[in-house]
Amino acid sequence: MSQLSSETFFAELPVFVEFEGVANGDNYRALPADWALATADIVDSTGAIEAGRYKAVNMAGASVISAILNALGNNDLPFVFGGDGAMVAVPPSGVDKARDALSAVQAWVGEELQLTLRAALVPVADVNAAGLEVRVARFQINADVSYAMFAGGGSSWAEVRMKEGLFAVPPAPPGAQPDLAGLSCRWNPIQSRHGDIVSIIAVPTGTGNADAFQTLISDIVTLAAGEEREGHPVAAEGPQIGLSAAGLSAETKTAPKGKRFTHRLFILAQYLLTVGLLRFGLTLGRFDPKAYRQDVARNTDFRKFDDGLKMTIDVDPDRFRQIEARLEKAANAGICRFGLHRQDSALMTCIVPTPLSRDHMHFIDGASGGYAMAASRMKKHMSAAAAIAAAP
């Protein structure tokens, strides 16, 4: 196996195009030891979601990715969106810029979204010293967009260390403004077409059942694949454009304070223009709103692997029962831990450098808690199992 150079590691990574490949270890390569993991999440995201602030939570998570990609001037980096947080792997040349971006985005989230974002910058060398790896694969969903998949246990280790307060990046002074150009949320909630939007998290137990866990992943993917568009929450024609007051407010705040009124007018004008073009079936220069909506559907990260399977899928009740039963069987056999959360719609947050290109990226999560609530349920199941095991 050829050694990939450090700075261009992700750009040179071979791609795979069938999602089942996330369970194939041959698709992964170890992240170089001189890279670092920029990781962040919302403190008490469950409480914020229960208070109805899931849109702000999602915006905060996506802002981490946006700020770091913009700071490094590179949209082609390994990252993963987790609903209430995110992780971006950065090369050695970008570590200092990523640190500054993490500091600024913490201050921005606190001031503008009234949420607490904690962040850490974890050297991959420290992950390796702990006996783990950060293994990365590149899943190409179409000719224009690919997303990173993570395995090896290293990203989970980094997240735990962050929550312990290690490798912490302190927030910048009040008033700091990260570069969040392109971050937007202009889509209506995406209603289930089949029954429920289900957010799924399934992680291995780490007890040497790698082959059984790989089989489990294949089974879950196969079950979901029986649904329209393999369970994709977004219809092939794309989502319905919409701009809520909360979405407009959040996106307006991505601009520096002295430019927010102008930015707000620009958002409204762009939105109204797009609505008008769609209504009358028109295009404007190279911008075709119908094709753009279709690209949104193509470019959405509704399934991923980050030391475990994460999916937000649209399934009918019978298929949901089959998926739940398969996960319960695996959990009872000691193969996995899992959490599920059902809701009637999904939310989308986007990074769109320019609507004239086709490489815009769209992050989807359940509209009433999604991955954060699934993770919370998984932790409750783990605590209950531990209590039973400890009982005399």
Protein backbone atom coordinates (compact mmCIF):
# COMPACT_ATOMS: atom_id res chain seq x y z
CA MET A 1 0.00 0.00 0.00
CA SER A 2 1.53 3.33 -1.06
CA GLN A 3 2.15 5.96 1.61
CA LEU A 4 0.01 9.08 1.11
CA SER A 5 1.73 12.44 1.63
CA SER A 6 0.71 14.34 4.76
CA GLU A 7 -0.60 17.68 3.48
CA THR A 8 -2.52 16.16 0.55
CA PHE A 9 -3.68 13.05 2.40
CA PHE A 10 -7.42 13.44 1.88
CA ALA A 11 -7.20 14.70 -1.70
CA GLU A 12 -5.17 11.61 -2.65
CA LEU A 13 -7.37 9.14 -0.78
CA PRO A 14 -9.03 6.52 -3.02
CA VAL A 15 -12.83 6.79 -3.14
CA PHE A 16 -15.58 4.21 -2.86
CA VAL A 17 -19.07 4.77 -4.26
CA GLU A 18 -21.36 2.18 -2.62
CA PHE A 19 -22.25 3.05 0.97
CA GLU A 20 -21.84 -0.56 2.08
CA GLY A 21 -18.11 0.13 1.70
CA VAL A 22 -18.09 1.91 5.07
CA ALA A 23 -17.91 -1.54 6.66
CA ASN A 24 -14.88 -2.55 4.57
CA GLY A 25 -11.64 -1.80 6.38
CA ASP A 26 -9.69 -1.85 3.12
CA ASN A 27 -11.27 1.49 2.17
CA TYR A 28 -9.65 3.26 5.12
CA ARG A 29 -6.19 4.78 5.56
CA ALA A 30 -4.60 6.00 8.80
CA LEU A 31 -4.55 9.75 9.20
CA PRO A 32 -0.93 11.00 9.43
CA ALA A 33 0.36 11.57 12.96
CA ASP A 34 1.13 15.25 12.29
CA TRP A 35 -2.55 16.05 11.66
CA ALA A 36 -4.96 17.17 14.39
CA LEU A 37 -8.66 16.72 15.13
CA ALA A 38 -10.63 19.91 15.70
CA THR A 39 -13.67 18.74 17.62
CA ALA A 40 -16.54 20.60 19.28
CA ASP A 41 -20.02 20.08 20.66
CA ILE A 42 -22.81 21.88 22.48
CA VAL A 43 -22.90 21.52 26.25
CA ASP A 44 -26.32 20.16 27.34
CA SER A 45 -27.58 19.91 23.79
CA THR A 46 -30.36 17.64 25.06
CA GLY A 47 -31.70 20.43 27.26
CA ALA A 48 -31.50 22.93 24.40
CA ILE A 49 -33.36 20.52 22.11
CA GLU A 50 -36.05 19.88 24.71
CA ALA A 51 -36.49 23.66 24.88
CA GLY A 52 -37.19 23.67 21.13
CA ARG A 53 -33.81 25.06 20.07
CA TYR A 54 -32.79 22.22 17.75
CA LYS A 55 -32.35 24.59 14.78
CA ALA A 56 -29.86 26.68 16.75
CA VAL A 57 -28.09 23.51 17.91
CA ASN A 58 -27.72 22.30 14.31
CA MET A 59 -26.53 25.73 13.18
CA ALA A 60 -23.89 25.74 15.90
CA GLY A 61 -22.63 22.29 14.89
CA ALA A 62 -22.39 23.24 11.23
CA SER A 63 -20.70 26.55 12.10
CA VAL A 64 -17.67 24.60 13.36
CA ILE A 65 -17.17 23.05 9.94
CA SER A 66 -17.84 26.30 8.09
CA ALA A 67 -15.44 28.34 10.23
CA ILE A 68 -12.56 25.89 9.87
CA LEU A 69 -12.98 25.26 6.14
CA ASN A 70 -13.13 29.02 5.51
CA ALA A 71 -10.15 29.71 7.77
CA LEU A 72 -8.03 27.16 5.90
CA GLY A 73 -9.45 28.14 2.50
CA ASN A 74 -10.06 24.46 1.77
CA ASN A 75 -13.43 22.72 1.40
CA ASP A 76 -11.76 19.37 0.73
CA LEU A 77 -10.95 18.22 4.26
CA PRO A 78 -12.19 15.23 6.27
CA PHE A 79 -15.05 16.26 8.55
CA VAL A 80 -18.20 14.87 10.09
CA PHE A 81 -21.36 16.65 11.25
CA GLY A 82 -22.91 15.18 14.38
CA GLY A 83 -26.02 17.31 14.82
CA ASP A 84 -24.95 19.02 18.06
CA GLY A 85 -21.29 19.21 17.11
CA ALA A 86 -18.71 18.41 14.51
CA MET A 87 -15.15 17.26 13.91
CA VAL A 88 -12.71 18.42 11.24
CA ALA A 89 -9.33 16.80 10.62
CA VAL A 90 -6.72 19.41 9.72
CA PRO A 91 -3.23 19.05 8.22
CA PRO A 92 -0.15 20.40 10.04
CA SER A 93 -0.13 23.63 8.02
CA GLY A 94 -3.67 24.43 9.18
CA VAL A 95 -3.46 23.70 12.91
CA ASP A 96 -2.94 27.31 14.04
CA LYS A 97 -5.72 28.63 11.79
CA ALA A 98 -8.05 25.88 13.01
CA ARG A 99 -7.30 26.81 16.62
CA ASP A 100 -8.17 30.45 15.95
CA ALA A 101 -11.37 29.43 14.14
CA LEU A 102 -12.43 27.20 17.06
CA SER A 103 -11.85 30.07 19.48
CA ALA A 104 -13.85 32.51 17.39
CA VAL A 105 -16.75 30.16 16.72
CA GLN A 106 -17.08 29.41 20.45
CA ALA A 107 -17.43 33.12 21.17
CA TRP A 108 -19.92 33.53 18.31
CA VAL A 109 -22.10 30.60 19.39
CA GLY A 110 -22.18 31.92 22.95
CA GLU A 111 -23.06 35.50 22.02
CA GLU A 112 -25.33 34.98 19.04
CA LEU A 113 -27.00 31.61 19.66
CA GLN A 114 -26.87 31.67 23.49
CA LEU A 115 -25.40 28.18 23.58
CA THR A 116 -22.17 26.90 25.11
CA LEU A 117 -19.78 25.31 22.63
CA ARG A 118 -16.77 23.46 23.99
CA ALA A 119 -13.88 22.70 21.69
CA ALA A 120 -10.57 20.88 21.58
CA LEU A 121 -7.70 20.41 19.15
CA VAL A 122 -6.37 16.89 19.58
CA PRO A 123 -3.08 15.87 17.93
CA VAL A 124 -3.38 12.58 16.06
CA ALA A 125 -0.01 11.68 17.57
CA ASP A 126 -1.68 11.64 21.01
CA VAL A 127 -4.45 9.42 19.65
CA ASN A 128 -1.82 7.02 18.33
CA ALA A 129 0.03 7.11 21.65
CA ALA A 130 -3.18 5.88 23.29
CA GLY A 131 -3.05 2.82 21.03
CA LEU A 132 -5.73 3.95 18.57
CA GLU A 133 -5.86 5.24 15.02
CA VAL A 134 -7.92 7.76 13.12
CA ARG A 135 -8.69 5.88 9.92
CA VAL A 136 -10.34 7.81 7.11
CA ALA A 137 -12.22 6.69 4.01
CA ARG A 138 -13.67 8.83 1.23
CA PHE A 139 -17.26 8.07 0.21
CA GLN A 140 -18.06 9.73 -3.11
CA ILE A 141 -21.79 10.30 -3.39
CA ASN A 142 -21.54 11.87 -6.85
CA ALA A 143 -18.97 13.41 -9.17
CA ASP A 144 -19.00 16.71 -7.26
CA VAL A 145 -19.18 15.79 -3.57
CA SER A 146 -17.58 13.25 -1.25
CA TYR A 147 -17.70 12.90 2.52
CA ALA A 148 -15.19 11.47 4.96
CA MET A 149 -15.90 8.35 7.00
CA PHE A 150 -13.96 7.69 10.22
CA ALA A 151 -12.97 4.42 11.89
CA GLY A 152 -10.29 3.13 14.24
CA GLY A 153 -11.66 4.53 17.50
CA GLY A 154 -9.54 7.67 17.38
CA SER A 155 -12.26 10.24 16.77
CA SER A 156 -14.35 8.82 19.63
CA TRP A 157 -11.30 8.95 21.91
CA ALA A 158 -10.75 12.59 20.96
CA GLU A 159 -14.39 13.44 21.73
CA VAL A 160 -14.17 11.87 25.19
CA ARG A 161 -10.96 13.76 25.95
CA MET A 162 -12.65 17.00 24.85
CA LYS A 163 -15.53 16.37 27.24
CA GLU A 164 -12.97 15.76 30.00
CA GLY A 165 -11.51 19.20 29.32
CA LEU A 166 -8.27 17.99 27.76
CA PHE A 167 -6.69 19.63 24.70
CA ALA A 168 -9.18 22.46 25.23
CA VAL A 169 -9.26 25.53 23.01
CA PRO A 170 -10.52 28.55 24.97
CA PRO A 171 -13.11 30.88 23.44
CA ALA A 172 -11.95 34.13 21.89
CA PRO A 173 -12.79 37.46 23.59
CA PRO A 174 -16.35 38.76 23.14
CA GLY A 175 -17.05 40.17 19.72
CA ALA A 176 -14.90 37.69 17.82
CA GLN A 177 -16.41 36.87 14.42
CA PRO A 178 -15.54 33.61 12.63
CA ASP A 179 -15.72 33.51 8.86
CA LEU A 180 -19.04 31.75 8.26
CA ALA A 181 -19.48 32.71 4.62
CA GLY A 182 -21.73 30.20 2.86
CA LEU A 183 -23.43 28.87 6.00
CA SER A 184 -27.19 28.90 5.48
CA CYS A 185 -30.50 27.30 6.49
CA ARG A 186 -33.12 28.24 3.91
CA TRP A 187 -35.14 25.05 3.63
CA ASN A 188 -38.45 24.16 5.17
CA PRO A 189 -38.53 21.18 7.55
CA ILE A 190 -38.58 18.03 5.42
CA GLN A 191 -41.66 15.99 6.27
CA SER A 192 -41.55 12.20 6.26
CA ARG A 193 -43.07 10.72 3.12
CA HIS A 194 -43.31 7.16 4.46
CA GLY A 195 -43.89 7.19 8.21
CA ASP A 196 -41.04 8.49 10.35
CA ILE A 197 -37.72 10.26 10.07
CA VAL A 198 -35.50 7.99 12.16
CA SER A 199 -32.09 8.99 13.48
CA ILE A 200 -29.91 5.95 14.16
CA ILE A 201 -26.60 5.57 15.98
CA ALA A 202 -24.99 2.14 16.28
CA VAL A 203 -21.46 1.67 17.65
CA PRO A 204 -19.43 -1.49 18.25
CA THR A 205 -18.94 -2.73 21.77
CA GLY A 206 -15.20 -3.10 21.24
CA THR A 207 -15.18 -6.71 22.41
CA GLY A 208 -13.61 -8.26 19.33
CA ASN A 209 -16.83 -8.62 17.32
CA ALA A 210 -15.57 -6.68 14.30
CA ASP A 211 -16.88 -9.19 11.76
CA ALA A 212 -20.29 -9.39 13.45
CA PHE A 213 -20.52 -5.60 13.58
CA GLN A 214 -19.61 -5.38 9.90
CA THR A 215 -22.44 -7.83 9.15
CA LEU A 216 -24.81 -5.74 11.26
CA ILE A 217 -23.96 -2.59 9.30
CA SER A 218 -24.54 -4.40 6.02
CA ASP A 219 -27.90 -5.68 7.28
CA ILE A 220 -29.09 -2.24 8.42
CA VAL A 221 -28.01 -0.63 5.15
CA THR A 222 -29.78 -3.38 3.20
CA LEU A 223 -32.99 -2.93 5.20
CA ALA A 224 -32.94 0.84 4.62
CA ALA A 225 -32.15 0.32 0.93
CA GLY A 226 -35.56 -1.28 0.46
CA GLU A 227 -37.15 2.12 1.03
CA GLU A 228 -37.50 4.79 -1.66
CA ARG A 229 -34.07 6.28 -2.42
CA GLU A 230 -32.53 3.93 0.18
CA GLY A 231 -34.29 5.83 2.94
CA HIS A 232 -33.07 9.27 1.84
CA PRO A 233 -35.21 11.86 3.67
CA VAL A 234 -35.12 14.26 0.70
CA ALA A 235 -37.16 13.54 -2.41
CA ALA A 236 -35.26 13.34 -5.70
CA GLU A 237 -36.65 16.70 -6.83
CA GLY A 238 -35.16 18.33 -3.73
CA PRO A 239 -36.57 20.02 -0.62
CA GLN A 240 -39.02 22.87 -0.51
CA ILE A 241 -37.28 26.20 -0.12
CA GLY A 242 -38.39 28.13 2.95
CA LEU A 243 -37.07 30.89 5.16
CA SER A 244 -38.41 30.96 8.71
CA ALA A 245 -37.88 33.88 11.06
CA ALA A 246 -35.53 31.72 13.13
CA GLY A 247 -33.57 30.67 10.05
CA LEU A 248 -33.32 34.25 8.78
CA SER A 249 -32.16 35.46 12.19
CA ALA A 250 -29.53 32.73 12.50
CA GLU A 251 -28.15 33.27 9.01
CA THR A 252 -28.10 37.05 9.41
CA LYS A 253 -25.86 36.59 12.46
CA THR A 254 -23.20 34.84 10.37
CA ALA A 255 -22.18 38.25 8.99
CA PRO A 256 -20.03 40.78 10.91
CA LYS A 257 -22.17 43.07 13.06
CA GLY A 258 -21.62 46.14 10.93
CA LYS A 259 -22.84 44.34 7.81
CA ARG A 260 -25.86 42.46 9.15
CA PHE A 261 -28.60 44.74 7.88
CA THR A 262 -27.18 44.57 4.37
CA HIS A 263 -26.69 40.82 4.67
CA ARG A 264 -30.28 40.38 5.83
CA LEU A 265 -31.55 42.28 2.79
CA PHE A 266 -29.31 40.18 0.54
CA ILE A 267 -30.69 36.93 2.03
CA LEU A 268 -34.29 38.10 1.56
CA ALA A 269 -33.64 39.28 -2.01
CA GLN A 270 -31.88 36.03 -2.93
CA TYR A 271 -34.68 33.99 -1.37
CA LEU A 272 -37.46 35.90 -3.12
CA LEU A 273 -35.63 35.72 -6.44
CA THR A 274 -35.20 31.96 -6.10
CA VAL A 275 -38.88 31.50 -5.21
CA GLY A 276 -39.89 33.54 -8.22
CA LEU A 277 -37.63 31.63 -10.59
CA LEU A 278 -38.98 28.31 -9.29
CA ARG A 279 -42.60 29.42 -9.57
CA PHE A 280 -42.25 30.49 -13.19
CA GLY A 281 -39.77 27.79 -14.25
CA LEU A 282 -37.06 30.32 -15.15
CA THR A 283 -33.29 30.40 -14.89
CA LEU A 284 -30.92 33.32 -14.27
CA GLY A 285 -27.66 33.06 -16.16
CA ARG A 286 -25.98 29.85 -15.04
CA PHE A 287 -28.28 29.49 -12.04
CA ASP A 288 -31.07 26.97 -12.52
CA PRO A 289 -33.08 26.74 -9.26
CA LYS A 290 -34.71 23.44 -10.25
CA ALA A 291 -31.31 21.82 -10.91
CA TYR A 292 -29.99 23.35 -7.69
CA ARG A 293 -32.77 21.73 -5.63
CA GLN A 294 -31.97 18.38 -7.26
CA ASP A 295 -28.28 18.85 -6.41
CA VAL A 296 -29.26 19.53 -2.79
CA ALA A 297 -30.98 16.13 -2.71
CA ARG A 298 -27.89 14.50 -4.25
CA ASN A 299 -25.38 16.20 -1.96
CA THR A 300 -26.99 15.52 1.43
CA ASP A 301 -25.10 13.50 4.08
CA PHE A 302 -28.02 11.39 5.34
CA ARG A 303 -25.75 8.47 6.27
CA LYS A 304 -22.19 8.33 7.54
CA PHE A 305 -19.72 6.34 9.59
CA ASP A 306 -17.87 7.88 12.54
CA ASP A 307 -16.56 4.98 14.63
CA GLY A 308 -20.08 3.69 14.18
CA LEU A 309 -23.07 4.00 11.89
CA LYS A 310 -25.12 7.20 11.82
CA MET A 311 -28.18 7.52 9.60
CA THR A 312 -31.17 9.83 9.34
CA ILE A 313 -33.63 7.98 7.15
CA ASP A 314 -37.28 8.10 6.11
CA VAL A 315 -38.90 4.69 6.65
CA ASP A 316 -42.33 3.15 6.99
CA PRO A 317 -43.44 1.61 10.33
CA ASP A 318 -42.80 -1.98 9.28
CA ARG A 319 -39.26 -1.24 8.09
CA PHE A 320 -38.58 0.67 11.29
CA ARG A 321 -39.61 -2.36 13.34
CA GLN A 322 -37.28 -4.57 11.29
CA ILE A 323 -34.34 -2.20 11.81
CA GLU A 324 -35.06 -1.87 15.53
CA ALA A 325 -35.36 -5.65 15.94
CA ARG A 326 -32.04 -6.23 14.13
CA LEU A 327 -30.29 -3.68 16.34
CA GLU A 328 -31.81 -5.16 19.51
CA LYS A 329 -30.68 -8.63 18.50
CA ALA A 330 -27.12 -7.35 17.96
CA ALA A 331 -27.16 -5.46 21.26
CA ASN A 332 -28.35 -8.53 23.16
CA ALA A 333 -25.50 -10.50 21.56
CA GLY A 334 -22.98 -7.93 22.77
CA ILE A 335 -22.16 -6.76 19.23
CA CYS A 336 -23.30 -3.13 19.44
CA ARG A 337 -24.80 -0.33 21.45
CA PHE A 338 -27.43 1.75 19.73
CA GLY A 339 -29.90 4.60 20.01
CA LEU A 340 -32.91 5.52 17.90
CA HIS A 341 -35.02 8.65 17.74
CA ARG A 342 -38.22 8.98 15.71
CA GLN A 343 -39.69 12.28 14.51
CA ASP A 344 -41.98 13.46 11.74
CA SER A 345 -39.51 15.68 9.90
CA ALA A 346 -35.85 16.49 9.26
CA LEU A 347 -33.86 19.74 9.22
CA MET A 348 -31.16 20.77 6.80
CA THR A 349 -28.20 23.11 7.36
CA CYS A 350 -25.96 23.96 4.41
CA ILE A 351 -22.52 25.15 3.40
CA VAL A 352 -22.83 26.76 -0.03
CA PRO A 353 -19.65 28.55 -1.17
CA THR A 354 -21.54 29.61 -4.31
CA PRO A 355 -24.86 28.40 -5.75
CA LEU A 356 -23.23 28.49 -9.20
CA SER A 357 -21.04 25.48 -8.41
CA ARG A 358 -22.31 21.97 -7.72
CA ASP A 359 -20.12 21.09 -4.73
CA HIS A 360 -22.38 22.61 -2.05
CA MET A 361 -22.75 20.45 1.07
CA HIS A 362 -25.90 19.78 3.08
CA PHE A 363 -26.12 18.34 6.59
CA ILE A 364 -29.32 16.69 7.69
CA ASP A 365 -30.59 15.74 11.12
CA GLY A 366 -33.91 14.91 12.71
CA ALA A 367 -36.03 17.99 13.37
CA SER A 368 -36.77 17.20 17.01
CA GLY A 369 -33.41 16.12 18.32
CA GLY A 370 -32.09 13.63 15.80
CA TYR A 371 -28.61 12.35 16.55
CA ALA A 372 -28.35 14.12 19.91
CA MET A 373 -31.48 12.41 21.21
CA ALA A 374 -30.43 9.06 19.72
CA ALA A 375 -27.09 9.40 21.52
CA SER A 376 -28.87 10.28 24.76
CA ARG A 377 -31.04 7.16 24.47
CA MET A 378 -27.99 5.04 23.79
CA LYS A 379 -26.33 6.35 26.94
CA LYS A 380 -29.45 5.59 28.99
CA HIS A 381 -29.50 2.03 27.67
CA MET A 382 -25.81 1.64 28.53
CA SER A 383 -26.38 2.97 32.06
CA ALA A 384 -29.32 0.61 32.58
CA ALA A 385 -27.31 -2.36 31.31
CA ALA A 386 -24.40 -1.45 33.59
CA ALA A 387 -26.73 -1.21 36.58
CA ILE A 388 -28.18 -4.64 35.84
CA ALA A 389 -24.71 -6.13 35.44
CA ALA A 390 -23.60 -4.62 38.77
CA ALA A 391 -26.64 -5.86 40.68
CA PRO A 392 -26.00 -8.75 43.11
